[in-house]
Amino acid sequence: MANIASAKKRARQSEVRRMRNKMRRSAMRTQLKKAVLAIESGDHEKARAAYADAVRILDVSANRGIIHKNKAARHKSRLNAHILKMGA
C-alpha cells in the first residue's frame, strides 16, 4: 500500500477510473449483444435501431480510450455487413 499522500490519491483515482471503464466496457458489450440478437431475429428495422445504438456506444468507447478505434471500426463494419445482407 502507498505511504505517500500523492501515491494514495493516485491509487484512489486509478480505482475510480478502473470501475468507470469496467462499467462502460460492460455497457458496450451488452449493446453489441443486443445488436447481434436483433440481427439474428431477422427483423430488419429492429436490427437497424440496435445497430445505431451500438455504433454510438462504440464510438464513445473508442474516443474515451476504452477500446482501440480500429476495434470499434471492425465491430461496426461486421454488424453493418450482416444488416446489409438481411436487406438484400
N, C-alpha and C. Protein backbone atom coordinates (compact mmCIF):
# COMPACT_ATOMS: atom_id res chain seq x y z
N MET A 1 0.84 -1.18 0.00
CA MET A 1 0.00 0.00 0.00
C MET A 1 0.88 1.24 0.00
N ALA A 2 0.38 2.26 -0.64
CA ALA A 2 1.15 3.50 -0.75
C ALA A 2 1.23 4.21 0.60
N ASN A 3 2.38 4.84 0.83
CA ASN A 3 2.59 5.60 2.07
C ASN A 3 2.53 7.10 1.85
N ILE A 4 2.89 7.54 0.66
CA ILE A 4 2.94 8.97 0.36
C ILE A 4 1.53 9.42 -0.05
N ALA A 5 1.18 10.63 0.36
CA ALA A 5 -0.17 11.14 0.11
C ALA A 5 -0.51 11.18 -1.37
N SER A 6 0.44 11.60 -2.19
CA SER A 6 0.16 11.68 -3.63
C SER A 6 -0.04 10.28 -4.23
N ALA A 7 0.67 9.29 -3.70
CA ALA A 7 0.51 7.92 -4.17
C ALA A 7 -0.84 7.35 -3.75
N LYS A 8 -1.28 7.72 -2.55
CA LYS A 8 -2.60 7.29 -2.09
C LYS A 8 -3.69 7.88 -2.96
N LYS A 9 -3.54 9.15 -3.27
CA LYS A 9 -4.53 9.82 -4.13
C LYS A 9 -4.55 9.17 -5.51
N ARG A 10 -3.38 8.88 -6.06
CA ARG A 10 -3.29 8.25 -7.38
C ARG A 10 -3.95 6.87 -7.36
N ALA A 11 -3.78 6.14 -6.27
CA ALA A 11 -4.41 4.82 -6.15
C ALA A 11 -5.94 4.96 -6.13
N ARG A 12 -6.44 5.98 -5.40
CA ARG A 12 -7.89 6.21 -5.37
C ARG A 12 -8.40 6.57 -6.76
N GLN A 13 -7.68 7.44 -7.45
CA GLN A 13 -8.10 7.86 -8.80
C GLN A 13 -8.09 6.68 -9.76
N SER A 14 -7.08 5.84 -9.66
CA SER A 14 -6.98 4.69 -10.54
C SER A 14 -8.15 3.73 -10.33
N GLU A 15 -8.52 3.54 -9.08
CA GLU A 15 -9.64 2.64 -8.78
C GLU A 15 -10.95 3.19 -9.33
N VAL A 16 -11.17 4.50 -9.18
CA VAL A 16 -12.39 5.11 -9.72
C VAL A 16 -12.42 4.97 -11.24
N ARG A 17 -11.29 5.23 -11.88
CA ARG A 17 -11.23 5.11 -13.34
C ARG A 17 -11.43 3.67 -13.80
N ARG A 18 -10.86 2.73 -13.04
CA ARG A 18 -11.00 1.31 -13.39
C ARG A 18 -12.46 0.88 -13.34
N MET A 19 -13.16 1.29 -12.30
CA MET A 19 -14.57 0.94 -12.17
C MET A 19 -15.42 1.61 -13.26
N ARG A 20 -15.09 2.86 -13.58
CA ARG A 20 -15.82 3.57 -14.62
C ARG A 20 -15.61 2.90 -15.98
N ASN A 21 -14.36 2.53 -16.27
CA ASN A 21 -14.06 1.85 -17.53
C ASN A 21 -14.74 0.48 -17.60
N LYS A 22 -14.77 -0.21 -16.47
CA LYS A 22 -15.42 -1.52 -16.40
C LYS A 22 -16.90 -1.38 -16.73
N MET A 23 -17.54 -0.36 -16.17
CA MET A 23 -18.96 -0.11 -16.41
C MET A 23 -19.21 0.19 -17.89
N ARG A 24 -18.38 1.05 -18.45
CA ARG A 24 -18.56 1.42 -19.86
C ARG A 24 -18.29 0.25 -20.79
N ARG A 25 -17.28 -0.56 -20.48
CA ARG A 25 -16.98 -1.73 -21.30
C ARG A 25 -18.12 -2.74 -21.24
N SER A 26 -18.69 -2.92 -20.07
CA SER A 26 -19.82 -3.82 -19.90
C SER A 26 -21.04 -3.34 -20.70
N ALA A 27 -21.30 -2.04 -20.64
CA ALA A 27 -22.43 -1.48 -21.39
C ALA A 27 -22.22 -1.65 -22.89
N MET A 28 -20.97 -1.49 -23.33
CA MET A 28 -20.65 -1.66 -24.75
C MET A 28 -20.91 -3.10 -25.18
N ARG A 29 -20.44 -4.04 -24.39
CA ARG A 29 -20.63 -5.45 -24.74
C ARG A 29 -22.11 -5.83 -24.75
N THR A 30 -22.87 -5.29 -23.80
CA THR A 30 -24.30 -5.55 -23.76
C THR A 30 -24.98 -5.03 -25.02
N GLN A 31 -24.61 -3.84 -25.44
CA GLN A 31 -25.21 -3.24 -26.64
C GLN A 31 -24.85 -4.05 -27.88
N LEU A 32 -23.61 -4.54 -27.95
CA LEU A 32 -23.21 -5.38 -29.08
C LEU A 32 -24.03 -6.67 -29.11
N LYS A 33 -24.25 -7.27 -27.95
CA LYS A 33 -25.05 -8.49 -27.89
C LYS A 33 -26.48 -8.23 -28.33
N LYS A 34 -27.03 -7.08 -27.92
CA LYS A 34 -28.38 -6.73 -28.34
C LYS A 34 -28.46 -6.58 -29.86
N ALA A 35 -27.43 -5.98 -30.45
CA ALA A 35 -27.41 -5.81 -31.90
C ALA A 35 -27.32 -7.16 -32.60
N VAL A 36 -26.49 -8.04 -32.10
CA VAL A 36 -26.35 -9.38 -32.70
C VAL A 36 -27.66 -10.15 -32.59
N LEU A 37 -28.32 -10.08 -31.44
CA LEU A 37 -29.60 -10.77 -31.27
C LEU A 37 -30.67 -10.20 -32.20
N ALA A 38 -30.65 -8.89 -32.39
CA ALA A 38 -31.62 -8.27 -33.29
C ALA A 38 -31.38 -8.72 -34.73
N ILE A 39 -30.12 -8.85 -35.10
CA ILE A 39 -29.79 -9.32 -36.45
C ILE A 39 -30.23 -10.76 -36.62
N GLU A 40 -29.98 -11.59 -35.60
CA GLU A 40 -30.35 -13.00 -35.68
C GLU A 40 -31.86 -13.19 -35.69
N SER A 41 -32.61 -12.25 -35.12
CA SER A 41 -34.06 -12.37 -35.09
C SER A 41 -34.66 -12.21 -36.49
N GLY A 42 -33.96 -11.50 -37.36
CA GLY A 42 -34.42 -11.34 -38.73
C GLY A 42 -35.25 -10.09 -38.96
N ASP A 43 -35.54 -9.33 -37.93
CA ASP A 43 -36.31 -8.09 -38.06
C ASP A 43 -35.37 -6.96 -38.48
N HIS A 44 -35.53 -6.51 -39.72
CA HIS A 44 -34.60 -5.53 -40.29
C HIS A 44 -34.65 -4.19 -39.54
N GLU A 45 -35.83 -3.70 -39.24
CA GLU A 45 -35.95 -2.41 -38.56
C GLU A 45 -35.39 -2.45 -37.14
N LYS A 46 -35.67 -3.53 -36.45
CA LYS A 46 -35.15 -3.70 -35.09
C LYS A 46 -33.62 -3.78 -35.13
N ALA A 47 -33.10 -4.47 -36.14
CA ALA A 47 -31.65 -4.61 -36.28
C ALA A 47 -31.00 -3.26 -36.59
N ARG A 48 -31.63 -2.45 -37.43
CA ARG A 48 -31.08 -1.12 -37.75
C ARG A 48 -31.04 -0.23 -36.51
N ALA A 49 -32.09 -0.30 -35.70
CA ALA A 49 -32.14 0.52 -34.49
C ALA A 49 -31.07 0.07 -33.49
N ALA A 50 -30.92 -1.24 -33.33
CA ALA A 50 -29.91 -1.77 -32.41
C ALA A 50 -28.51 -1.44 -32.92
N TYR A 51 -28.33 -1.47 -34.23
CA TYR A 51 -27.04 -1.13 -34.83
C TYR A 51 -26.69 0.34 -34.56
N ALA A 52 -27.67 1.22 -34.68
CA ALA A 52 -27.43 2.65 -34.43
C ALA A 52 -27.00 2.87 -32.98
N ASP A 53 -27.64 2.18 -32.05
CA ASP A 53 -27.25 2.30 -30.64
C ASP A 53 -25.84 1.76 -30.42
N ALA A 54 -25.53 0.64 -31.07
CA ALA A 54 -24.22 0.03 -30.91
C ALA A 54 -23.13 0.94 -31.48
N VAL A 55 -23.39 1.57 -32.61
CA VAL A 55 -22.41 2.47 -33.22
C VAL A 55 -22.11 3.64 -32.29
N ARG A 56 -23.14 4.19 -31.69
CA ARG A 56 -22.94 5.32 -30.78
C ARG A 56 -22.05 4.93 -29.61
N ILE A 57 -22.34 3.81 -28.99
CA ILE A 57 -21.57 3.42 -27.81
C ILE A 57 -20.16 2.95 -28.19
N LEU A 58 -20.00 2.38 -29.38
CA LEU A 58 -18.66 2.00 -29.85
C LEU A 58 -17.81 3.25 -30.08
N ASP A 59 -18.40 4.26 -30.69
CA ASP A 59 -17.65 5.49 -30.93
C ASP A 59 -17.26 6.18 -29.63
N VAL A 60 -18.17 6.20 -28.67
CA VAL A 60 -17.87 6.80 -27.37
C VAL A 60 -16.74 6.03 -26.69
N SER A 61 -16.81 4.69 -26.75
CA SER A 61 -15.77 3.86 -26.12
C SER A 61 -14.42 4.08 -26.78
N ALA A 62 -14.41 4.22 -28.09
CA ALA A 62 -13.15 4.45 -28.80
C ALA A 62 -12.58 5.82 -28.46
N ASN A 63 -13.43 6.84 -28.40
CA ASN A 63 -12.96 8.18 -28.09
C ASN A 63 -12.44 8.30 -26.67
N ARG A 64 -12.99 7.53 -25.77
CA ARG A 64 -12.57 7.58 -24.37
C ARG A 64 -11.41 6.64 -24.07
N GLY A 65 -10.97 5.89 -25.07
CA GLY A 65 -9.80 5.04 -24.88
C GLY A 65 -10.10 3.70 -24.24
N ILE A 66 -11.36 3.32 -24.20
CA ILE A 66 -11.71 2.03 -23.61
C ILE A 66 -11.37 0.90 -24.58
N ILE A 67 -11.59 1.15 -25.85
CA ILE A 67 -11.16 0.21 -26.90
C ILE A 67 -10.42 1.02 -27.96
N HIS A 68 -9.68 0.32 -28.80
CA HIS A 68 -8.95 0.98 -29.89
C HIS A 68 -9.94 1.37 -30.98
N LYS A 69 -9.64 2.44 -31.70
CA LYS A 69 -10.55 2.92 -32.75
C LYS A 69 -10.71 1.89 -33.86
N ASN A 70 -9.68 1.11 -34.13
CA ASN A 70 -9.79 0.08 -35.17
C ASN A 70 -10.71 -1.05 -34.74
N LYS A 71 -10.72 -1.36 -33.45
CA LYS A 71 -11.63 -2.39 -32.95
C LYS A 71 -13.07 -1.92 -33.10
N ALA A 72 -13.32 -0.65 -32.79
CA ALA A 72 -14.67 -0.10 -32.96
C ALA A 72 -15.07 -0.15 -34.43
N ALA A 73 -14.16 0.21 -35.32
CA ALA A 73 -14.45 0.20 -36.75
C ALA A 73 -14.73 -1.22 -37.24
N ARG A 74 -13.99 -2.18 -36.72
CA ARG A 74 -14.18 -3.58 -37.11
C ARG A 74 -15.56 -4.08 -36.68
N HIS A 75 -15.95 -3.78 -35.46
CA HIS A 75 -17.28 -4.19 -34.98
C HIS A 75 -18.38 -3.55 -35.82
N LYS A 76 -18.25 -2.24 -36.08
CA LYS A 76 -19.27 -1.55 -36.86
C LYS A 76 -19.37 -2.13 -38.27
N SER A 77 -18.23 -2.40 -38.87
CA SER A 77 -18.22 -2.93 -40.22
C SER A 77 -18.90 -4.30 -40.31
N ARG A 78 -18.58 -5.16 -39.36
CA ARG A 78 -19.14 -6.51 -39.39
C ARG A 78 -20.64 -6.50 -39.12
N LEU A 79 -21.07 -5.67 -38.17
CA LEU A 79 -22.51 -5.57 -37.90
C LEU A 79 -23.25 -5.02 -39.12
N ASN A 80 -22.68 -3.99 -39.73
CA ASN A 80 -23.32 -3.39 -40.90
C ASN A 80 -23.39 -4.37 -42.06
N ALA A 81 -22.36 -5.18 -42.23
CA ALA A 81 -22.37 -6.18 -43.31
C ALA A 81 -23.52 -7.17 -43.11
N HIS A 82 -23.76 -7.58 -41.88
CA HIS A 82 -24.87 -8.51 -41.60
C HIS A 82 -26.21 -7.84 -41.88
N ILE A 83 -26.33 -6.58 -41.52
CA ILE A 83 -27.59 -5.88 -41.74
C ILE A 83 -27.84 -5.67 -43.22
N LEU A 84 -26.79 -5.34 -43.97
CA LEU A 84 -26.96 -5.17 -45.42
C LEU A 84 -27.34 -6.50 -46.08
N LYS A 85 -26.79 -7.57 -45.59
CA LYS A 85 -27.12 -8.89 -46.13
C LYS A 85 -28.59 -9.24 -45.84
N MET A 86 -29.10 -8.77 -44.69
CA MET A 86 -30.51 -9.00 -44.36
C MET A 86 -31.42 -8.28 -45.33
N GLY A 87 -31.05 -7.05 -45.69
CA GLY A 87 -31.90 -6.23 -46.56
C GLY A 87 -31.92 -6.72 -47.99
N ALA A 88 -30.88 -7.41 -48.41
CA ALA A 88 -30.79 -7.86 -49.82
C ALA A 88 -31.68 -9.04 -50.12
